[in-house]
C-alpha atoms as a PDB file:
ATOM      1  CA  UNK A   1      91.736 278.360 165.487  1.00  0.00           C
ATOM      2  CA  UNK A   2      94.721 279.484 167.412  1.00  0.00           C
ATOM      3  CA  UNK A   3      98.252 280.300 165.028  1.00  0.00           C
ATOM      4  CA  UNK A   4     101.641 281.449 165.118  1.00  0.00           C
ATOM      5  CA  UNK A   5     103.186 283.520 162.539  1.00  0.00           C
ATOM      6  CA  UNK A   6     107.071 283.024 162.350  1.00  0.00           C
ATOM      7  CA  UNK A   7     108.334 286.143 160.476  1.00  0.00           C
ATOM      8  CA  UNK A   8     111.578 286.948 158.853  1.00  0.00           C
ATOM      9  CA  UNK A   9     111.440 290.770 158.808  1.00  0.00           C
ATOM     10  CA  UNK A  10     114.687 291.385 156.931  1.00  0.00           C
ATOM     11  CA  UNK A  11     113.514 289.006 153.800  1.00  0.00           C
ATOM     12  CA  UNK A  12     113.721 289.677 150.199  1.00  0.00           C
ATOM     13  CA  UNK A  13     112.198 292.877 148.878  1.00  0.00           C
ATOM     14  CA  UNK A  14     110.215 293.254 152.057  1.00  0.00           C
ATOM     15  CA  UNK A  15     107.155 293.873 150.527  1.00  0.00           C
ATOM     16  CA  UNK A  16     105.366 290.877 151.822  1.00  0.00           C
ATOM     17  CA  UNK A  17     105.363 292.190 155.267  1.00  0.00           C
ATOM     18  CA  UNK A  18     103.818 295.022 154.584  1.00  0.00           C
ATOM     19  CA  UNK A  19     100.806 292.969 154.165  1.00  0.00           C
ATOM     20  CA  UNK A  20     100.731 291.282 157.574  1.00  0.00           C
ATOM     21  CA  UNK A  21      98.508 293.667 159.301  1.00  0.00           C
ATOM     22  CA  UNK A  22      95.843 293.093 156.568  1.00  0.00           C
ATOM     23  CA  UNK A  23      96.418 289.492 156.273  1.00  0.00           C
ATOM     24  CA  UNK A  24      95.965 288.935 160.273  1.00  0.00           C
ATOM     25  CA  UNK A  25      93.220 291.218 160.527  1.00  0.00           C
ATOM     26  CA  UNK A  26      91.295 289.866 157.751  1.00  0.00           C
ATOM     27  CA  UNK A  27      91.911 286.251 159.451  1.00  0.00           C
ATOM     28  CA  UNK A  28      90.486 287.845 162.689  1.00  0.00           C
ATOM     29  CA  UNK A  29      87.208 289.551 161.414  1.00  0.00           C
ATOM     30  CA  UNK A  30      86.344 286.446 159.007  1.00  0.00           C
ATOM     31  CA  UNK A  31      86.666 284.490 162.457  1.00  0.00           C
ATOM     32  CA  UNK A  32      89.108 282.029 161.192  1.00  0.00           C
ATOM     33  CA  UNK A  33      91.442 282.797 164.034  1.00  0.00           C
ATOM     34  CA  UNK A  34      90.641 283.747 167.595  1.00  0.00           C
ATOM     35  CA  UNK A  35      94.391 283.658 168.493  1.00  0.00           C
ATOM     36  CA  UNK A  36      97.651 284.716 166.932  1.00  0.00           C
ATOM     37  CA  UNK A  37     100.902 284.690 168.204  1.00  0.00           C
ATOM     38  CA  UNK A  38     103.800 286.843 166.318  1.00  0.00           C
ATOM     39  CA  UNK A  39     107.593 285.671 166.292  1.00  0.00           C
ATOM     40  CA  UNK A  40     110.168 287.652 164.500  1.00  0.00           C
ATOM     41  CA  UNK A  41     113.451 286.299 164.031  1.00  0.00           C
ATOM     42  CA  UNK A  42     116.708 288.664 164.468  1.00  0.00           C
ATOM     43  CA  UNK A  43     119.334 285.986 163.360  1.00  0.00           C
ATOM     44  CA  UNK A  44     120.053 282.598 161.781  1.00  0.00           C
ATOM     45  CA  UNK A  45     118.570 279.686 163.203  1.00  0.00           C
ATOM     46  CA  UNK A  46     116.055 281.663 165.390  1.00  0.00           C
ATOM     47  CA  UNK A  47     113.159 280.226 163.014  1.00  0.00           C
ATOM     48  CA  UNK A  48     114.537 276.642 163.423  1.00  0.00           C
ATOM     49  CA  UNK A  49     115.080 277.176 167.207  1.00  0.00           C
ATOM     50  CA  UNK A  50     111.560 278.243 167.598  1.00  0.00           C
ATOM     51  CA  UNK A  51     110.079 275.675 166.053  1.00  0.00           C
ATOM     52  CA  UNK A  52     112.007 272.878 167.900  1.00  0.00           C
ATOM     53  CA  UNK A  53     110.187 274.454 171.190  1.00  0.00           C
ATOM     54  CA  UNK A  54     106.669 273.805 169.522  1.00  0.00           C
ATOM     55  CA  UNK A  55     104.265 270.906 170.237  1.00  0.00           C
ATOM     56  CA  UNK A  56     101.645 269.610 168.204  1.00  0.00           C
ATOM     57  CA  UNK A  57      99.065 270.729 170.450  1.00  0.00           C
ATOM     58  CA  UNK A  58     100.041 274.465 170.788  1.00  0.00           C
ATOM     59  CA  UNK A  59      98.650 275.861 167.753  1.00  0.00           C
ATOM     60  CA  UNK A  60      95.990 274.442 164.728  1.00  0.00           C
ATOM     61  CA  UNK A  61      98.560 275.926 162.165  1.00  0.00           C
ATOM     62  CA  UNK A  62     101.654 277.910 161.764  1.00  0.00           C
ATOM     63  CA  UNK A  63     102.794 280.463 158.758  1.00  0.00           C
ATOM     64  CA  UNK A  64     106.153 281.045 158.005  1.00  0.00           C
ATOM     65  CA  UNK A  65     106.905 284.256 156.363  1.00  0.00           C
ATOM     66  CA  UNK A  66     109.897 284.440 154.577  1.00  0.00           C
ATOM     67  CA  UNK A  67     112.276 283.145 151.690  1.00  0.00           C
ATOM     68  CA  UNK A  68     114.047 279.948 150.721  1.00  0.00           C
ATOM     69  CA  UNK A  69     116.251 280.469 154.028  1.00  0.00           C
ATOM     70  CA  UNK A  70     113.394 281.082 156.563  1.00  0.00           C
ATOM     71  CA  UNK A  71     111.044 278.099 154.984  1.00  0.00           C
ATOM     72  CA  UNK A  72     114.369 276.016 155.349  1.00  0.00           C
ATOM     73  CA  UNK A  73     114.715 276.914 158.932  1.00  0.00           C
ATOM     74  CA  UNK A  74     111.012 276.154 159.723  1.00  0.00           C
ATOM     75  CA  UNK A  75     110.849 272.768 157.949  1.00  0.00           C
ATOM     76  CA  UNK A  76     113.849 271.732 159.586  1.00  0.00           C
ATOM     77  CA  UNK A  77     112.347 272.422 163.101  1.00  0.00           C
ATOM     78  CA  UNK A  78     109.188 270.764 162.441  1.00  0.00           C
ATOM     79  CA  UNK A  79     111.005 267.735 160.499  1.00  0.00           C
ATOM     80  CA  UNK A  80     113.301 267.313 163.518  1.00  0.00           C
ATOM     81  CA  UNK A  81     110.470 267.359 166.228  1.00  0.00           C
ATOM     82  CA  UNK A  82     108.089 265.527 163.711  1.00  0.00           C
ATOM     83  CA  UNK A  83     105.172 267.920 164.255  1.00  0.00           C
ATOM     84  CA  UNK A  84     102.118 267.233 162.092  1.00  0.00           C
ATOM     85  CA  UNK A  85     100.851 271.045 162.731  1.00  0.00           C
ATOM     86  CA  UNK A  86      99.952 272.274 158.896  1.00  0.00           C
ATOM     87  CA  UNK A  87     102.556 274.791 157.871  1.00  0.00           C
ATOM     88  CA  UNK A  88     101.370 277.568 155.921  1.00  0.00           C
ATOM     89  CA  UNK A  89     104.076 279.211 153.546  1.00  0.00           C
ATOM     90  CA  UNK A  90     103.631 283.135 152.945  1.00  0.00           C
ATOM     91  CA  UNK A  91     106.485 283.713 150.466  1.00  0.00           C
ATOM     92  CA  UNK A  92     108.168 286.858 151.128  1.00  0.00           C
ATOM     93  CA  UNK A  93     111.665 286.229 149.691  1.00  0.00           C
ATOM     94  CA  UNK A  94     113.711 287.037 146.857  1.00  0.00           C
ATOM     95  CA  UNK A  95     113.223 283.756 144.415  1.00  0.00           C
ATOM     96  CA  UNK A  96     110.837 281.702 146.386  1.00  0.00           C
ATOM     97  CA  UNK A  97     111.274 278.470 144.775  1.00  0.00           C
ATOM     98  CA  UNK A  98     109.544 276.130 146.748  1.00  0.00           C
ATOM     99  CA  UNK A  99     106.562 277.992 147.549  1.00  0.00           C
ATOM    100  CA  UNK A 100     106.427 279.120 143.735  1.00  0.00           C
ATOM    101  CA  UNK A 101     106.517 275.194 142.742  1.00  0.00           C
ATOM    102  CA  UNK A 102     103.549 274.852 144.848  1.00  0.00           C
ATOM    103  CA  UNK A 103     101.632 277.805 143.541  1.00  0.00           C
ATOM    104  CA  UNK A 104     101.397 279.121 147.033  1.00  0.00           C
ATOM    105  CA  UNK A 105      99.296 282.766 146.876  1.00  0.00           C
ATOM    106  CA  UNK A 106     100.674 286.236 147.791  1.00  0.00           C
ATOM    107  CA  UNK A 107      97.857 288.299 147.852  1.00  0.00           C
ATOM    108  CA  UNK A 108      95.793 288.842 150.655  1.00  0.00           C
ATOM    109  CA  UNK A 109      92.335 287.459 149.384  1.00  0.00           C
ATOM    110  CA  UNK A 110      93.933 284.561 147.944  1.00  0.00           C
ATOM    111  CA  UNK A 111      95.921 283.598 151.357  1.00  0.00           C
ATOM    112  CA  UNK A 112      92.788 283.971 153.062  1.00  0.00           C
ATOM    113  CA  UNK A 113      90.789 281.843 151.089  1.00  0.00           C
ATOM    114  CA  UNK A 114      93.368 279.195 151.505  1.00  0.00           C
ATOM    115  CA  UNK A 115      93.281 279.324 155.368  1.00  0.00           C
ATOM    116  CA  UNK A 116      89.593 279.404 155.194  1.00  0.00           C
ATOM    117  CA  UNK A 117      89.653 275.956 153.243  1.00  0.00           C
ATOM    118  CA  UNK A 118      92.521 274.460 155.084  1.00  0.00           C
ATOM    119  CA  UNK A 119      93.325 271.772 152.350  1.00  0.00           C
ATOM    120  CA  UNK A 120      96.630 270.116 153.137  1.00  0.00           C
ATOM    121  CA  UNK A 121      99.155 268.068 151.471  1.00  0.00           C
ATOM    122  CA  UNK A 122     101.740 265.582 152.692  1.00  0.00           C
ATOM    123  CA  UNK A 123     105.072 266.285 150.915  1.00  0.00           C
ATOM    124  CA  UNK A 124     108.662 265.118 150.875  1.00  0.00           C
ATOM    125  CA  UNK A 125     111.743 266.713 152.633  1.00  0.00           C
ATOM    126  CA  UNK A 126     115.165 266.054 151.803  1.00  0.00           C
ATOM    127  CA  UNK A 127     118.137 265.676 154.054  1.00  0.00           C
ATOM    128  CA  UNK A 128     121.804 266.130 153.382  1.00  0.00           C
ATOM    129  CA  UNK A 129     124.012 264.964 156.499  1.00  0.00           C
ATOM    130  CA  UNK A 130     122.676 266.492 159.500  1.00  0.00           C
ATOM    131  CA  UNK A 131     120.605 269.243 157.795  1.00  0.00           C
ATOM    132  CA  UNK A 132     117.088 269.353 156.005  1.00  0.00           C
ATOM    133  CA  UNK A 133     116.190 270.888 152.509  1.00  0.00           C
ATOM    134  CA  UNK A 134     112.841 271.580 151.003  1.00  0.00           C
ATOM    135  CA  UNK A 135     113.927 272.614 147.503  1.00  0.00           C
ATOM    136  CA  UNK A 136     117.558 272.271 146.458  1.00  0.00           C
ATOM    137  CA  UNK A 137     121.209 271.111 147.032  1.00  0.00           C
ATOM    138  CA  UNK A 138     123.623 272.616 144.045  1.00  0.00           C
ATOM    139  CA  UNK A 139     127.372 272.945 143.914  1.00  0.00           C
ATOM    140  CA  UNK A 140     129.571 274.425 141.028  1.00  0.00           C
ATOM    141  CA  UNK A 141     128.837 277.111 138.051  1.00  0.00           C
ATOM    142  CA  UNK A 142     126.449 279.665 139.687  1.00  0.00           C
ATOM    143  CA  UNK A 143     125.436 277.889 142.543  1.00  0.00           C
ATOM    144  CA  UNK A 144     127.196 280.294 144.839  1.00  0.00           C
ATOM    145  CA  UNK A 145     125.814 283.512 143.391  1.00  0.00           C
ATOM    146  CA  UNK A 146     123.047 283.512 146.212  1.00  0.00           C
ATOM    147  CA  UNK A 147     125.960 284.285 148.897  1.00  0.00           C
ATOM    148  CA  UNK A 148     127.490 287.074 146.844  1.00  0.00           C
ATOM    149  CA  UNK A 149     124.577 289.380 146.647  1.00  0.00           C
ATOM    150  CA  UNK A 150     123.859 291.891 149.581  1.00  0.00           C
ATOM    151  CA  UNK A 151     120.615 292.317 151.172  1.00  0.00           C
ATOM    152  CA  UNK A 152     120.313 295.850 149.813  1.00  0.00           C
ATOM    153  CA  UNK A 153     120.817 294.457 146.020  1.00  0.00           C
ATOM    154  CA  UNK A 154     118.053 291.940 147.193  1.00  0.00           C
ATOM    155  CA  UNK A 155     115.773 294.729 148.117  1.00  0.00           C
ATOM    156  CA  UNK A 156     116.419 297.094 144.959  1.00  0.00           C
ATOM    157  CA  UNK A 157     116.639 294.538 142.115  1.00  0.00           C
ATOM    158  CA  UNK A 158     114.749 291.360 143.374  1.00  0.00           C
ATOM    159  CA  UNK A 159     115.840 288.222 141.700  1.00  0.00           C
ATOM    160  CA  UNK A 160     117.390 290.462 138.977  1.00  0.00           C
ATOM    161  CA  UNK A 161     120.080 291.006 141.322  1.00  0.00           C
ATOM    162  CA  UNK A 162     121.241 287.242 140.997  1.00  0.00           C
ATOM    163  CA  UNK A 163     121.263 287.190 137.363  1.00  0.00           C
ATOM    164  CA  UNK A 164     123.119 290.587 137.178  1.00  0.00           C
ATOM    165  CA  UNK A 165     125.693 289.100 139.336  1.00  0.00           C
ATOM    166  CA  UNK A 166     126.010 286.023 137.234  1.00  0.00           C
ATOM    167  CA  UNK A 167     126.302 287.458 133.910  1.00  0.00           C
ATOM    168  CA  UNK A 168     129.349 289.754 135.897  1.00  0.00           C
ATOM    169  CA  UNK A 169     131.027 286.326 136.897  1.00  0.00           C
ATOM    170  CA  UNK A 170     130.349 284.431 133.443  1.00  0.00           C
ATOM    171  CA  UNK A 171     134.010 283.784 132.477  1.00  0.00           C
ATOM    172  CA  UNK A 172     134.799 282.694 135.761  1.00  0.00           C
ATOM    173  CA  UNK A 173     132.016 280.572 136.195  1.00  0.00           C
ATOM    174  CA  UNK A 174     132.203 278.636 132.955  1.00  0.00           C
ATOM    175  CA  UNK A 175     135.570 277.517 133.791  1.00  0.00           C
ATOM    176  CA  UNK A 176     134.037 275.909 136.776  1.00  0.00           C
ATOM    177  CA  UNK A 177     135.236 272.087 136.832  1.00  0.00           C
ATOM    178  CA  UNK A 178     134.199 269.181 139.419  1.00  0.00           C
ATOM    179  CA  UNK A 179     135.386 265.708 139.826  1.00  0.00           C
ATOM    180  CA  UNK A 180     132.116 264.124 141.292  1.00  0.00           C
ATOM    181  CA  UNK A 181     132.081 260.461 142.939  1.00  0.00           C
ATOM    182  CA  UNK A 182     128.504 259.494 143.274  1.00  0.00           C
ATOM    183  CA  UNK A 183     126.977 256.616 144.525  1.00  0.00           C
ATOM    184  CA  UNK A 184     123.257 255.911 144.786  1.00  0.00           C
ATOM    185  CA  UNK A 185     120.959 252.833 145.802  1.00  0.00           C
ATOM    186  CA  UNK A 186     120.828 251.940 141.745  1.00  0.00           C
ATOM    187  CA  UNK A 187     124.478 252.752 140.563  1.00  0.00           C
ATOM    188  CA  UNK A 188     128.000 254.031 141.086  1.00  0.00           C
ATOM    189  CA  UNK A 189     129.972 256.484 138.716  1.00  0.00           C
ATOM    190  CA  UNK A 190     132.074 258.953 138.425  1.00  0.00           C
ATOM    191  CA  UNK A 191     131.876 262.341 136.673  1.00  0.00           C
ATOM    192  CA  UNK A 192     133.777 265.673 135.298  1.00  0.00           C
ATOM    193  CA  UNK A 193     131.086 268.327 136.029  1.00  0.00           C
ATOM    194  CA  UNK A 194     130.502 271.925 135.953  1.00  0.00           C
ATOM    195  CA  UNK A 195     127.349 271.920 138.051  1.00  0.00           C
ATOM    196  CA  UNK A 196     125.417 269.493 140.223  1.00  0.00           C
ATOM    197  CA  UNK A 197     122.016 269.896 141.545  1.00  0.00           C
ATOM    198  CA  UNK A 198     119.613 267.424 143.743  1.00  0.00           C
ATOM    199  CA  UNK A 199     116.185 268.949 143.735  1.00  0.00           C
ATOM    200  CA  UNK A 200     112.706 267.819 145.560  1.00  0.00           C
ATOM    201  CA  UNK A 201     110.691 270.136 143.115  1.00  0.00           C
ATOM    202  CA  UNK A 202     111.176 271.079 139.649  1.00  0.00           C
ATOM    203  CA  UNK A 203     112.097 274.956 140.319  1.00  0.00           C
ATOM    204  CA  UNK A 204     115.220 276.059 140.782  1.00  0.00           C
ATOM    205  CA  UNK A 205     116.612 279.706 140.914  1.00  0.00           C
ATOM    206  CA  UNK A 206     113.717 280.785 139.541  1.00  0.00           C
ATOM    207  CA  UNK A 207     113.554 278.621 136.347  1.00  0.00           C
ATOM    208  CA  UNK A 208     110.852 276.290 136.003  1.00  0.00           C
ATOM    209  CA  UNK A 209     111.092 272.533 135.122  1.00  0.00           C
ATOM    210  CA  UNK A 210     114.901 272.305 135.759  1.00  0.00           C
ATOM    211  CA  UNK A 211     114.452 268.481 136.941  1.00  0.00           C
ATOM    212  CA  UNK A 212     111.173 268.132 134.819  1.00  0.00           C
ATOM    213  CA  UNK A 213     110.329 264.813 136.557  1.00  0.00           C
ATOM    214  CA  UNK A 214     110.461 266.113 140.140  1.00  0.00           C
ATOM    215  CA  UNK A 215     107.682 265.763 142.582  1.00  0.00           C
ATOM    216  CA  UNK A 216     107.528 266.560 145.982  1.00  0.00           C
ATOM    217  CA  UNK A 217     105.236 263.337 146.616  1.00  0.00           C
ATOM    218  CA  UNK A 218     107.087 260.573 144.820  1.00  0.00           C
ATOM    219  CA  UNK A 219     109.673 259.466 147.532  1.00  0.00           C
ATOM    220  CA  UNK A 220     112.521 260.501 145.525  1.00  0.00           C
ATOM    221  CA  UNK A 221     114.975 262.858 144.916  1.00  0.00           C
ATOM    222  CA  UNK A 222     116.127 264.028 141.152  1.00  0.00           C
ATOM    223  CA  UNK A 223     120.146 264.342 140.319  1.00  0.00           C
ATOM    224  CA  UNK A 224     120.903 266.731 137.386  1.00  0.00           C
ATOM    225  CA  UNK A 225     124.570 266.901 136.546  1.00  0.00           C
ATOM    226  CA  UNK A 226     125.839 269.277 133.932  1.00  0.00           C
ATOM    227  CA  UNK A 227     128.724 267.294 132.656  1.00  0.00           C
ATOM    228  CA  UNK A 228     132.333 269.438 131.510  1.00  0.00           C
ATOM    229  CA  UNK A 229     131.815 271.150 128.339  1.00  0.00           C
ATOM    230  CA  UNK A 230     132.351 273.931 126.333  1.00  0.00           C
ATOM    231  CA  UNK A 231     130.731 277.624 126.377  1.00  0.00           C
ATOM    232  CA  UNK A 232     129.082 276.788 122.971  1.00  0.00           C
ATOM    233  CA  UNK A 233     127.876 272.973 124.480  1.00  0.00           C
ATOM    234  CA  UNK A 234     126.119 275.419 127.206  1.00  0.00           C
ATOM    235  CA  UNK A 235     124.123 277.159 124.659  1.00  0.00           C
ATOM    236  CA  UNK A 236     122.908 273.793 123.273  1.00  0.00           C
ATOM    237  CA  UNK A 237     122.028 273.018 126.616  1.00  0.00           C
ATOM    238  CA  UNK A 238     120.108 276.421 127.223  1.00  0.00           C
ATOM    239  CA  UNK A 239     118.376 276.079 124.000  1.00  0.00           C
ATOM    240  CA  UNK A 240     117.363 272.526 124.854  1.00  0.00           C
ATOM    241  CA  UNK A 241     116.147 273.861 128.048  1.00  0.00           C
ATOM    242  CA  UNK A 242     113.991 276.417 126.491  1.00  0.00           C
ATOM    243  CA  UNK A 243     112.489 272.979 124.095  1.00  0.00           C
ATOM    244  CA  UNK A 244     111.963 271.011 127.380  1.00  0.00           C
ATOM    245  CA  UNK A 245     114.411 268.516 125.810  1.00  0.00           C
ATOM    246  CA  UNK A 246     117.646 269.094 128.035  1.00  0.00           C
ATOM    247  CA  UNK A 247     117.272 265.856 130.204  1.00  0.00           C
ATOM    248  CA  UNK A 248     118.134 264.108 126.789  1.00  0.00           C
ATOM    249  CA  UNK A 249     121.239 266.543 126.048  1.00  0.00           C
ATOM    250  CA  UNK A 250     124.523 264.335 125.868  1.00  0.00           C
ATOM    251  CA  UNK A 251     125.683 266.650 128.540  1.00  0.00           C
ATOM    252  CA  UNK A 252     123.264 266.263 131.206  1.00  0.00           C
ATOM    253  CA  UNK A 253     123.180 263.177 133.056  1.00  0.00           C
ATOM    254  CA  UNK A 254     119.892 262.908 134.963  1.00  0.00           C
ATOM    255  CA  UNK A 255     118.707 260.137 137.602  1.00  0.00           C
ATOM    256  CA  UNK A 256     116.295 260.131 140.163  1.00  0.00           C
ATOM    257  CA  UNK A 257     116.944 258.221 143.544  1.00  0.00           C
ATOM    258  CA  UNK A 258     116.048 257.610 147.038  1.00  0.00           C
ATOM    259  CA  UNK A 259     119.833 257.778 148.468  1.00  0.00           C
ATOM    260  CA  UNK A 260     122.969 259.515 147.231  1.00  0.00           C
ATOM    261  CA  UNK A 261     126.295 259.883 148.524  1.00  0.00           C
ATOM    262  CA  UNK A 262     128.404 262.744 146.488  1.00  0.00           C
ATOM    263  CA  UNK A 263     132.335 263.190 146.962  1.00  0.00           C
ATOM    264  CA  UNK A 264     133.926 266.038 145.382  1.00  0.00           C
ATOM    265  CA  UNK A 265     137.647 266.372 144.842  1.00  0.00           C
ATOM    266  CA  UNK A 266     137.531 270.509 144.822  1.00  0.00           C
ATOM    267  CA  UNK A 267     137.159 272.711 148.037  1.00  0.00           C
ATOM    268  CA  UNK A 268     133.745 274.506 147.113  1.00  0.00           C
ATOM    269  CA  UNK A 269     130.874 275.839 148.603  1.00  0.00           C
ATOM    270  CA  UNK A 270     127.457 274.490 147.846  1.00  0.00           C
ATOM    271  CA  UNK A 271     124.036 275.539 148.369  1.00  0.00           C
ATOM    272  CA  UNK A 272     121.406 274.190 150.687  1.00  0.00           C
ATOM    273  CA  UNK A 273     118.090 276.167 150.079  1.00  0.00           C
ATOM    274  CA  UNK A 274     120.210 279.328 150.234  1.00  0.00           C
ATOM    275  CA  UNK A 275     122.671 278.188 152.600  1.00  0.00           C
ATOM    276  CA  UNK A 276     126.217 277.569 152.764  1.00  0.00           C
ATOM    277  CA  UNK A 277     127.332 274.179 152.866  1.00  0.00           C
ATOM    278  CA  UNK A 278     131.291 273.362 152.412  1.00  0.00           C
ATOM    279  CA  UNK A 279     132.295 269.776 153.361  1.00  0.00           C
ATOM    280  CA  UNK A 280     132.413 266.436 151.527  1.00  0.00           C
ATOM    281  CA  UNK A 281     131.211 264.103 151.095  1.00  0.00           C
ATOM    282  CA  UNK A 282     127.640 264.748 151.517  1.00  0.00           C
ATOM    283  CA  UNK A 283     124.929 262.149 151.909  1.00  0.00           C
ATOM    284  CA  UNK A 284     121.348 262.972 150.689  1.00  0.00           C
ATOM    285  CA  UNK A 285     118.338 261.029 151.641  1.00  0.00           C
ATOM    286  CA  UNK A 286     114.465 261.636 151.096  1.00  0.00           C
ATOM    287  CA  UNK A 287     112.117 261.484 154.173  1.00  0.00           C
ATOM    288  CA  UNK A 288     108.717 260.829 152.519  1.00  0.00           C
ATOM    289  CA  UNK A 289     105.579 262.731 153.602  1.00  0.00           C
ATOM    290  CA  UNK A 290     107.479 264.665 156.425  1.00  0.00           C
ATOM    291  CA  UNK A 291     105.440 267.877 156.337  1.00  0.00           C
ATOM    292  CA  UNK A 292     101.863 268.641 156.509  1.00  0.00           C
ATOM    293  CA  UNK A 293     101.464 271.781 153.775  1.00  0.00           C
ATOM    294  CA  UNK A 294      98.462 273.898 153.656  1.00  0.00           C
ATOM    295  CA  UNK A 295      98.034 274.400 149.856  1.00  0.00           C
ATOM    296  CA  UNK A 296      95.287 276.191 147.476  1.00  0.00           C
END
């Protein structure tokens, strides 16, 4: 087979990149591939632009090596070009929510086994205005932390870097207030909120089952809103989350929908798979089974 590796050499703690020579060598030794091309990204949108140049006949599969931002660029290019090439993900970022949700392997042996079996699954992808997302859109409390953590902090501390910065900003974050106007195909409502997130998977920021009913194959997106509440109420929400009961909290509004429009009176930065979004209103929709992912 013929494959392409798209690699972000500066992603996360850079540990996964050290395994690449071994992984590629093993793929060749085991006769899984007879041709390997490697593309290194240098700046934002390099991975996206590379994927826009691809045709279905070019490769038998593509491997994305990087974090959620790199995955977002690769997936955006794949969906934009409507590519059916199987995509393997080798998570090399700081948090890797999308890859962790799919329980994708990170060890050399398990990754090679996955390629050998070549089992694929078609998954949903989200679209926000003219952009795509694999995992999440989030705005409000703590959602801009990822933009404030430096590359050196990520390399040194890994996911802990986000939590450290979150704790430092706790008093400011807890005072976040958003006035949201939301329209879905099912309902129309307004909320005074601390945070909103729209997810494709159930894992956000390293936390599992944030949106417990989320599935990347159900043809809907999951909207979770934390309503305006006191710091004491936030502690109550966290306790409910630890008990897997937070969706029933009076401070949580949780729905599933195929089509969502959100307007926000406040001028805030929101997160799209680790990248910045800045303009409202935003229109979010789901593209069912838009991507062919290689899974264990």
